């Protein structure tokens, strides 16, 4: 007999002998069993629900829709990265919000076009009043004077110390 034959013979005889002690299950075995059970349950549920067609677009609450402000911020690209992603996903699936976003885009495009129109301008008296605001104000302290100004009362001093401590602690 060759070594491979002997090894095969030993392996086959060792499998025939049953271990008298039952195998003890580890935590991973329990987790694997739970996962299998959950998977089987989901498959059964999917089979029973496969005949039912539901439209999820109309089943969520109105708080899930984009507000007019959120739609405007979406159009102007002013949302944070995460909020922009959530809004995009919502707009893809919700025709109501998609219509609102399209209306906002149309409004933005109209206003941009009209701003370039030379016939549209502010009234002359408004321009004159705005220009006169700069001359009406009396000269005051400069920024350098305000930055170095010392607190006058004890409470103001305490408040400035508290602000400085918060600033250094990163709050």
Protein backbone atom coordinates (compact mmCIF):
# COMPACT_ATOMS: atom_id res chain seq x y z
CA UNK A 1 0.00 0.00 0.00
CA UNK A 2 1.19 3.49 -0.85
CA UNK A 3 1.07 6.38 1.59
CA UNK A 4 -1.92 7.97 -0.15
CA UNK A 5 -3.82 4.68 -0.01
CA UNK A 6 -3.06 4.32 3.69
CA UNK A 7 -4.16 7.88 4.37
CA UNK A 8 -7.40 7.36 2.48
CA UNK A 9 -8.03 4.12 4.37
CA UNK A 10 -7.43 5.82 7.74
CA UNK A 11 -9.71 8.71 6.85
CA UNK A 12 -12.54 6.42 5.79
CA UNK A 13 -12.29 4.33 8.94
CA UNK A 14 -12.16 7.40 11.18
CA UNK A 15 -15.37 8.73 9.62
CA UNK A 16 -17.13 5.45 10.28
CA UNK A 17 -16.47 5.64 14.02
CA UNK A 18 -19.07 7.88 15.59
CA UNK A 19 -18.05 10.22 18.37
CA UNK A 20 -19.99 9.16 21.47
CA UNK A 21 -20.17 12.77 22.80
CA UNK A 22 -22.62 15.15 21.07
CA UNK A 23 -20.98 18.10 19.37
CA UNK A 24 -21.28 21.31 21.38
CA UNK A 25 -22.58 24.28 19.38
CA UNK A 26 -20.66 27.54 19.52
CA UNK A 27 -22.15 31.02 19.48
CA UNK A 28 -21.33 31.32 15.78
CA UNK A 29 -23.39 28.19 15.11
CA UNK A 30 -26.36 29.77 16.90
CA UNK A 31 -25.94 33.00 14.94
CA UNK A 32 -25.68 31.08 11.66
CA UNK A 33 -28.85 29.16 12.56
CA UNK A 34 -30.67 32.43 13.36
CA UNK A 35 -29.55 33.93 10.05
CA UNK A 36 -30.75 30.85 8.15
CA UNK A 37 -34.12 30.98 9.93
CA UNK A 38 -34.53 34.70 9.23
CA UNK A 39 -33.58 34.19 5.59
CA UNK A 40 -36.09 31.38 5.20
CA UNK A 41 -38.80 33.50 6.84
CA UNK A 42 -38.08 36.42 4.48
CA UNK A 43 -38.19 34.12 1.46
CA UNK A 44 -41.56 32.73 2.56
CA UNK A 45 -42.87 36.25 3.12
CA UNK A 46 -41.59 37.35 -0.30
CA UNK A 47 -43.35 34.41 -1.95
CA UNK A 48 -46.66 35.23 -0.25
CA UNK A 49 -46.41 38.94 -1.06
CA UNK A 50 -45.22 38.49 -4.64
CA UNK A 51 -48.78 38.56 -5.94
CA UNK A 52 -49.57 41.84 -4.21
CA UNK A 53 -48.47 44.98 -6.03
CA UNK A 54 -48.17 48.07 -3.84
CA UNK A 55 -47.16 51.58 -4.69
CA UNK A 56 -44.76 52.87 -2.08
CA UNK A 57 -44.73 56.39 -3.55
CA UNK A 58 -48.05 57.29 -1.94
CA UNK A 59 -47.55 55.42 1.36
CA UNK A 60 -45.17 57.73 3.20
CA UNK A 61 -46.15 60.67 5.38
CA UNK A 62 -46.19 64.22 4.09
CA UNK A 63 -43.29 65.08 6.40
CA UNK A 64 -41.14 62.95 4.10
CA UNK A 65 -41.71 65.35 1.19
CA UNK A 66 -39.36 68.21 0.41
CA UNK A 67 -40.60 71.55 1.66
CA UNK A 68 -40.61 74.52 -0.71
CA UNK A 69 -37.47 75.84 1.02
CA UNK A 70 -35.74 72.46 0.74
CA UNK A 71 -36.66 72.25 -2.95
CA UNK A 72 -35.24 75.75 -3.52
CA UNK A 73 -32.05 74.82 -1.66
CA UNK A 74 -31.85 71.62 -3.72
CA UNK A 75 -32.14 73.61 -6.96
CA UNK A 76 -29.56 76.15 -5.77
CA UNK A 77 -27.22 73.34 -4.63
CA UNK A 78 -27.17 74.72 -1.06
CA UNK A 79 -27.89 71.48 0.82
CA UNK A 80 -25.21 69.56 2.67
CA UNK A 81 -23.75 66.51 0.95
CA UNK A 82 -25.88 64.05 2.94
CA UNK A 83 -29.07 66.09 2.60
CA UNK A 84 -28.45 66.49 -1.13
CA UNK A 85 -28.11 62.72 -1.49
CA UNK A 86 -31.34 62.07 0.43
CA UNK A 87 -33.17 64.74 -1.58
CA UNK A 88 -31.96 63.25 -4.88
CA UNK A 89 -33.16 59.79 -3.86
CA UNK A 90 -36.52 61.20 -2.80
CA UNK A 91 -36.97 63.26 -5.98
CA UNK A 92 -36.24 60.18 -8.10
CA UNK A 93 -39.10 58.25 -6.50
CA UNK A 94 -41.61 61.04 -5.73
CA UNK A 95 -43.33 62.69 -8.68
CA UNK A 96 -44.89 65.34 -6.43
CA UNK A 97 -41.51 66.62 -5.23
CA UNK A 98 -40.01 66.21 -8.70
CA UNK A 99 -42.70 68.56 -10.04
CA UNK A 100 -41.93 71.06 -7.24
CA UNK A 101 -38.21 70.93 -8.08
CA UNK A 102 -38.99 71.48 -11.76
CA UNK A 103 -41.19 74.50 -10.89
CA UNK A 104 -38.36 75.91 -8.78
CA UNK A 105 -35.90 75.41 -11.65
CA UNK A 106 -38.25 77.13 -14.08
CA UNK A 107 -38.59 80.07 -11.68
CA UNK A 108 -34.82 80.34 -11.24
CA UNK A 109 -34.25 80.25 -15.00
CA UNK A 110 -36.94 82.89 -15.57
CA UNK A 111 -35.43 85.23 -12.95
CA UNK A 112 -31.92 84.78 -14.33
CA UNK A 113 -33.15 85.62 -17.80
CA UNK A 114 -35.09 88.67 -16.58
CA UNK A 115 -32.14 90.01 -14.57
CA UNK A 116 -30.19 90.34 -17.81
CA UNK A 117 -33.05 92.27 -19.38
CA UNK A 118 -32.14 95.97 -19.57
CA UNK A 119 -35.78 97.03 -19.29
CA UNK A 120 -35.96 95.71 -15.72
CA UNK A 121 -34.30 97.98 -13.19
CA UNK A 122 -34.87 99.48 -9.76
CA UNK A 123 -36.79 102.79 -9.60
CA UNK A 124 -34.61 105.92 -9.58
CA UNK A 125 -35.92 107.13 -6.19
CA UNK A 126 -34.95 103.79 -4.59
CA UNK A 127 -31.46 104.06 -6.04
CA UNK A 128 -31.19 107.64 -4.73
CA UNK A 129 -32.32 106.66 -1.21
CA UNK A 130 -29.85 103.78 -1.09
CA UNK A 131 -27.02 106.04 -2.23
CA UNK A 132 -27.94 108.65 0.39
CA UNK A 133 -27.66 106.13 3.22
CA UNK A 134 -23.89 106.21 2.96
CA UNK A 135 -23.75 109.99 3.38
CA UNK A 136 -26.35 110.20 6.18
CA UNK A 137 -24.43 108.09 8.69
CA UNK A 138 -22.22 110.01 11.07
CA UNK A 139 -18.66 108.78 11.32
CA UNK A 140 -18.17 106.37 14.18
CA UNK A 141 -15.36 104.38 15.69
CA UNK A 142 -13.34 102.21 13.36
CA UNK A 143 -13.06 98.46 13.65
CA UNK A 144 -9.69 98.71 15.40
CA UNK A 145 -11.24 100.86 18.15
CA UNK A 146 -14.06 98.38 18.74
CA UNK A 147 -11.75 95.36 18.88
CA UNK A 148 -9.59 96.84 21.65
CA UNK A 149 -12.49 98.20 23.70
CA UNK A 150 -12.41 97.07 27.36
CA UNK A 151 -15.56 95.91 29.15
CA UNK A 152 -17.01 98.62 31.36
CA UNK A 153 -18.96 96.65 33.99
CA UNK A 154 -18.05 93.66 36.11
CA UNK A 155 -20.69 91.50 34.38
CA UNK A 156 -19.25 92.41 30.97
CA UNK A 157 -15.78 91.39 32.19
CA UNK A 158 -17.06 88.03 33.44
CA UNK A 159 -18.91 87.47 30.17
CA UNK A 160 -15.78 88.16 28.12
CA UNK A 161 -13.79 85.69 30.26
CA UNK A 162 -16.49 83.03 29.79
CA UNK A 163 -16.44 83.59 26.01
CA UNK A 164 -12.66 83.28 25.93
CA UNK A 165 -12.76 80.02 27.90
CA UNK A 166 -15.44 78.58 25.62
CA UNK A 167 -13.47 79.62 22.54
CA UNK A 168 -10.34 77.83 23.80
CA UNK A 169 -12.33 74.71 24.70
CA UNK A 170 -13.89 74.58 21.23
CA UNK A 171 -17.56 75.02 22.17
